[in-house]
């Protein structure tokens, strides 16, 4: 999973900094091969940091990361692998 061509929506392109997009893809790449087709990321400011809560349902997974950020954002991001391609999109674009 998540080895197909990767895409992102206009909403992600316009609201999620490229550095953060790349970090989310990398977090998926670091998962063990047994991965859920749907990866969920909650992004929220935490002082001068960007808090990232990464989760999936099957297998159950949850990890919280804190990364330095000059401009932390609030967003919920889905990354979906439909076996033909992988798409990163904002939750409101689903």
N, C-alpha and C. Protein backbone atom coordinates (compact mmCIF):
# COMPACT_ATOMS: atom_id res chain seq x y z
N UNK A 1 0.83 -1.20 0.00
CA UNK A 1 0.00 0.00 0.00
C UNK A 1 0.87 1.25 0.00
N UNK A 2 0.33 2.28 -0.57
CA UNK A 2 0.96 3.60 -0.64
C UNK A 2 2.25 3.59 -1.48
N UNK A 3 2.31 2.66 -2.44
CA UNK A 3 3.44 2.62 -3.36
C UNK A 3 3.05 3.11 -4.75
N UNK A 4 1.81 3.54 -4.92
CA UNK A 4 1.31 4.01 -6.20
C UNK A 4 1.64 5.48 -6.42
N UNK A 5 1.29 5.97 -7.60
CA UNK A 5 1.46 7.39 -7.91
C UNK A 5 0.77 8.23 -6.84
N UNK A 6 1.39 9.31 -6.42
CA UNK A 6 0.86 10.14 -5.33
C UNK A 6 0.33 11.46 -5.85
N UNK A 7 -0.84 11.83 -5.33
CA UNK A 7 -1.51 13.07 -5.73
C UNK A 7 -1.94 13.83 -4.49
N UNK A 8 -2.21 15.11 -4.69
CA UNK A 8 -2.81 15.89 -3.62
C UNK A 8 -3.84 16.82 -4.24
N UNK A 9 -4.79 17.20 -3.43
CA UNK A 9 -5.87 18.06 -3.91
C UNK A 9 -5.43 19.52 -3.88
N UNK A 10 -6.22 20.34 -4.51
CA UNK A 10 -5.96 21.78 -4.52
C UNK A 10 -5.97 22.33 -3.09
N UNK A 11 -6.90 21.84 -2.26
CA UNK A 11 -6.98 22.31 -0.88
C UNK A 11 -5.70 22.05 -0.11
N UNK A 12 -5.13 20.87 -0.27
CA UNK A 12 -3.85 20.56 0.39
C UNK A 12 -2.76 21.45 -0.17
N UNK A 13 -2.72 21.58 -1.49
CA UNK A 13 -1.69 22.40 -2.14
C UNK A 13 -1.72 23.85 -1.63
N UNK A 14 -2.92 24.37 -1.41
CA UNK A 14 -3.06 25.77 -1.02
C UNK A 14 -2.93 26.00 0.49
N UNK A 15 -3.17 24.98 1.31
CA UNK A 15 -3.22 25.24 2.75
C UNK A 15 -2.17 24.50 3.59
N UNK A 16 -1.56 23.46 3.05
CA UNK A 16 -0.56 22.70 3.80
C UNK A 16 0.82 22.99 3.20
N UNK A 17 1.74 23.55 3.97
CA UNK A 17 3.08 23.85 3.44
C UNK A 17 3.75 22.58 2.89
N UNK A 18 4.54 22.75 1.85
CA UNK A 18 5.20 21.63 1.19
C UNK A 18 6.02 20.80 2.17
N UNK A 19 6.72 21.46 3.07
CA UNK A 19 7.53 20.75 4.07
C UNK A 19 6.66 19.80 4.90
N UNK A 20 5.48 20.27 5.25
CA UNK A 20 4.57 19.46 6.05
C UNK A 20 3.95 18.33 5.21
N UNK A 21 3.62 18.61 3.95
CA UNK A 21 3.13 17.56 3.05
C UNK A 21 4.14 16.42 2.96
N UNK A 22 5.40 16.78 2.74
CA UNK A 22 6.46 15.77 2.64
C UNK A 22 6.61 14.98 3.93
N UNK A 23 6.48 15.65 5.06
CA UNK A 23 6.57 14.96 6.34
C UNK A 23 5.45 13.93 6.48
N UNK A 24 4.23 14.28 6.09
CA UNK A 24 3.10 13.35 6.19
C UNK A 24 3.34 12.13 5.30
N UNK A 25 3.80 12.33 4.07
CA UNK A 25 4.11 11.19 3.20
C UNK A 25 5.20 10.32 3.84
N UNK A 26 6.21 10.95 4.42
CA UNK A 26 7.29 10.19 5.05
C UNK A 26 6.81 9.39 6.25
N UNK A 27 5.89 9.95 7.01
CA UNK A 27 5.34 9.21 8.16
C UNK A 27 4.63 7.94 7.69
N UNK A 28 3.94 8.03 6.57
CA UNK A 28 3.28 6.84 6.01
C UNK A 28 4.34 5.84 5.54
N UNK A 29 5.38 6.33 4.87
CA UNK A 29 6.43 5.45 4.37
C UNK A 29 7.13 4.69 5.50
N UNK A 30 7.18 5.26 6.69
CA UNK A 30 7.86 4.63 7.82
C UNK A 30 7.02 3.56 8.52
N UNK A 31 5.73 3.48 8.16
CA UNK A 31 4.87 2.46 8.77
C UNK A 31 5.26 1.07 8.30
N UNK A 32 4.97 0.04 9.10
CA UNK A 32 5.21 -1.32 8.64
C UNK A 32 4.35 -1.61 7.40
N UNK A 33 4.71 -2.61 6.61
CA UNK A 33 3.97 -2.89 5.37
C UNK A 33 2.47 -3.11 5.55
N UNK A 34 2.05 -3.65 6.66
CA UNK A 34 0.62 -3.86 6.91
C UNK A 34 0.00 -2.53 7.33
N UNK A 35 -0.62 -1.83 6.35
CA UNK A 35 -1.15 -0.48 6.59
C UNK A 35 -2.61 -0.41 6.17
N UNK A 36 -3.33 0.44 6.86
CA UNK A 36 -4.71 0.74 6.48
C UNK A 36 -4.69 1.60 5.22
N UNK A 37 -5.69 1.42 4.38
CA UNK A 37 -5.77 2.22 3.15
C UNK A 37 -6.06 3.69 3.44
N UNK A 38 -6.53 3.98 4.66
CA UNK A 38 -6.85 5.35 5.06
C UNK A 38 -5.98 5.76 6.24
N UNK A 39 -5.16 6.78 6.02
CA UNK A 39 -4.34 7.35 7.08
C UNK A 39 -4.92 8.73 7.40
N UNK A 40 -5.03 9.04 8.69
CA UNK A 40 -5.64 10.29 9.12
C UNK A 40 -4.62 11.10 9.91
N UNK A 41 -4.55 12.39 9.59
CA UNK A 41 -3.65 13.31 10.28
C UNK A 41 -4.45 14.50 10.80
N UNK A 42 -4.37 14.73 12.10
CA UNK A 42 -4.92 15.95 12.71
C UNK A 42 -3.75 16.89 12.91
N UNK A 43 -3.85 18.08 12.38
CA UNK A 43 -2.80 19.08 12.52
C UNK A 43 -3.34 20.21 13.38
N UNK A 44 -2.58 20.59 14.41
CA UNK A 44 -3.03 21.68 15.28
C UNK A 44 -1.84 22.40 15.89
N UNK A 45 -2.00 23.71 16.09
CA UNK A 45 -0.93 24.48 16.74
C UNK A 45 -0.79 24.07 18.20
N UNK A 46 0.42 24.08 18.68
CA UNK A 46 0.70 23.84 20.09
C UNK A 46 1.85 24.76 20.45
N UNK A 47 1.49 26.00 20.81
CA UNK A 47 2.51 27.02 21.06
C UNK A 47 3.24 27.32 19.77
N UNK A 48 4.56 27.21 19.81
CA UNK A 48 5.41 27.44 18.63
C UNK A 48 5.63 26.16 17.84
N UNK A 49 4.85 25.13 18.15
CA UNK A 49 5.04 23.82 17.53
C UNK A 49 3.81 23.45 16.70
N UNK A 50 4.04 22.53 15.77
CA UNK A 50 2.95 21.92 15.02
C UNK A 50 2.75 20.53 15.60
N UNK A 51 1.54 20.29 16.15
CA UNK A 51 1.24 18.95 16.65
C UNK A 51 0.61 18.17 15.51
N UNK A 52 1.08 16.94 15.32
CA UNK A 52 0.56 16.04 14.30
C UNK A 52 0.10 14.78 15.00
N UNK A 53 -1.17 14.47 14.86
CA UNK A 53 -1.70 13.22 15.41
C UNK A 53 -2.01 12.34 14.20
N UNK A 54 -1.27 11.26 14.07
CA UNK A 54 -1.39 10.35 12.94
C UNK A 54 -2.08 9.09 13.42
N UNK A 55 -3.16 8.70 12.72
CA UNK A 55 -3.88 7.50 13.15
C UNK A 55 -4.43 6.72 11.96
N UNK A 56 -4.75 5.46 12.24
CA UNK A 56 -5.46 4.60 11.30
C UNK A 56 -6.23 3.58 12.11
N UNK A 57 -7.20 2.94 11.46
CA UNK A 57 -8.08 2.02 12.18
C UNK A 57 -7.64 0.56 12.12
N UNK A 58 -7.18 0.09 10.96
CA UNK A 58 -6.88 -1.33 10.80
C UNK A 58 -5.57 -1.52 10.06
N UNK A 59 -4.49 -1.88 10.67
CA UNK A 59 -4.39 -2.10 12.11
C UNK A 59 -4.45 -0.78 12.87
N UNK A 60 -4.91 -0.86 14.09
CA UNK A 60 -5.04 0.35 14.90
C UNK A 60 -3.66 0.97 15.12
N UNK A 61 -3.60 2.27 14.92
CA UNK A 61 -2.33 2.98 15.03
C UNK A 61 -2.60 4.40 15.49
N UNK A 62 -1.74 4.91 16.36
CA UNK A 62 -1.82 6.31 16.75
C UNK A 62 -0.45 6.77 17.22
N UNK A 63 -0.03 7.90 16.68
CA UNK A 63 1.25 8.49 17.06
C UNK A 63 1.08 9.99 17.08
N UNK A 64 1.67 10.63 18.10
CA UNK A 64 1.64 12.09 18.22
C UNK A 64 3.06 12.60 18.06
N UNK A 65 3.21 13.57 17.16
CA UNK A 65 4.52 14.18 16.92
C UNK A 65 4.41 15.67 17.13
N UNK A 66 5.51 16.26 17.53
CA UNK A 66 5.60 17.71 17.66
C UNK A 66 6.79 18.14 16.81
N UNK A 67 6.55 19.11 15.92
CA UNK A 67 7.64 19.63 15.10
C UNK A 67 7.65 21.15 15.18
N UNK A 68 8.84 21.74 15.17
CA UNK A 68 8.91 23.21 15.21
C UNK A 68 8.21 23.80 13.98
N UNK A 69 7.56 24.94 14.18
CA UNK A 69 6.87 25.59 13.06
C UNK A 69 6.77 27.09 13.32
N UNK A 70 7.06 27.86 12.30
CA UNK A 70 6.89 29.31 12.40
C UNK A 70 5.43 29.70 12.27
N UNK A 71 4.65 28.86 11.62
CA UNK A 71 3.24 29.16 11.36
C UNK A 71 2.41 27.88 11.42
N UNK A 72 2.19 27.31 12.62
CA UNK A 72 1.42 26.07 12.72
C UNK A 72 -0.01 26.26 12.23
N UNK A 73 -0.59 25.21 11.69
CA UNK A 73 -1.93 25.27 11.10
C UNK A 73 -2.87 24.28 11.78
N UNK A 74 -4.15 24.46 11.53
CA UNK A 74 -5.17 23.53 11.99
C UNK A 74 -5.83 22.92 10.76
N UNK A 75 -5.81 21.59 10.69
CA UNK A 75 -6.42 20.90 9.55
C UNK A 75 -6.56 19.42 9.88
N UNK A 76 -7.49 18.78 9.20
CA UNK A 76 -7.59 17.33 9.24
C UNK A 76 -7.33 16.86 7.82
N UNK A 77 -6.35 15.96 7.68
CA UNK A 77 -5.91 15.51 6.37
C UNK A 77 -6.10 13.99 6.27
N UNK A 78 -6.67 13.55 5.15
CA UNK A 78 -6.78 12.13 4.84
C UNK A 78 -5.77 11.80 3.75
N UNK A 79 -5.19 10.62 3.85
CA UNK A 79 -4.40 10.09 2.75
C UNK A 79 -4.99 8.71 2.45
N UNK A 80 -5.46 8.55 1.21
CA UNK A 80 -6.19 7.36 0.81
C UNK A 80 -5.46 6.64 -0.31
N UNK A 81 -5.28 5.33 -0.14
CA UNK A 81 -4.72 4.49 -1.20
C UNK A 81 -5.87 3.65 -1.75
N UNK A 82 -6.24 3.90 -3.01
CA UNK A 82 -7.35 3.15 -3.61
C UNK A 82 -6.84 2.04 -4.53
N UNK A 83 -5.59 1.67 -4.39
CA UNK A 83 -4.87 0.63 -5.12
C UNK A 83 -4.44 1.06 -6.53
N UNK A 84 -4.98 2.16 -7.05
CA UNK A 84 -4.51 2.71 -8.32
C UNK A 84 -3.60 3.91 -8.09
N UNK A 85 -3.95 4.72 -7.08
CA UNK A 85 -3.15 5.89 -6.75
C UNK A 85 -3.40 6.28 -5.29
N UNK A 86 -2.55 7.15 -4.77
CA UNK A 86 -2.66 7.64 -3.40
C UNK A 86 -2.99 9.13 -3.46
N UNK A 87 -3.94 9.54 -2.65
CA UNK A 87 -4.38 10.93 -2.66
C UNK A 87 -4.37 11.52 -1.26
N UNK A 88 -3.77 12.69 -1.14
CA UNK A 88 -3.79 13.46 0.10
C UNK A 88 -4.83 14.55 -0.08
N UNK A 89 -5.80 14.62 0.83
CA UNK A 89 -6.87 15.61 0.73
C UNK A 89 -7.29 16.10 2.10
N UNK A 90 -7.83 17.29 2.14
CA UNK A 90 -8.39 17.81 3.37
C UNK A 90 -9.69 17.08 3.66
N UNK A 91 -10.02 16.92 4.92
CA UNK A 91 -11.23 16.19 5.31
C UNK A 91 -12.47 16.81 4.66
N UNK A 92 -12.52 18.13 4.54
CA UNK A 92 -13.70 18.77 3.97
C UNK A 92 -13.80 18.57 2.46
N UNK A 93 -12.75 18.04 1.84
CA UNK A 93 -12.79 17.76 0.41
C UNK A 93 -13.26 16.33 0.12
N UNK A 94 -13.46 15.54 1.16
CA UNK A 94 -13.84 14.13 1.00
C UNK A 94 -15.25 14.01 0.51
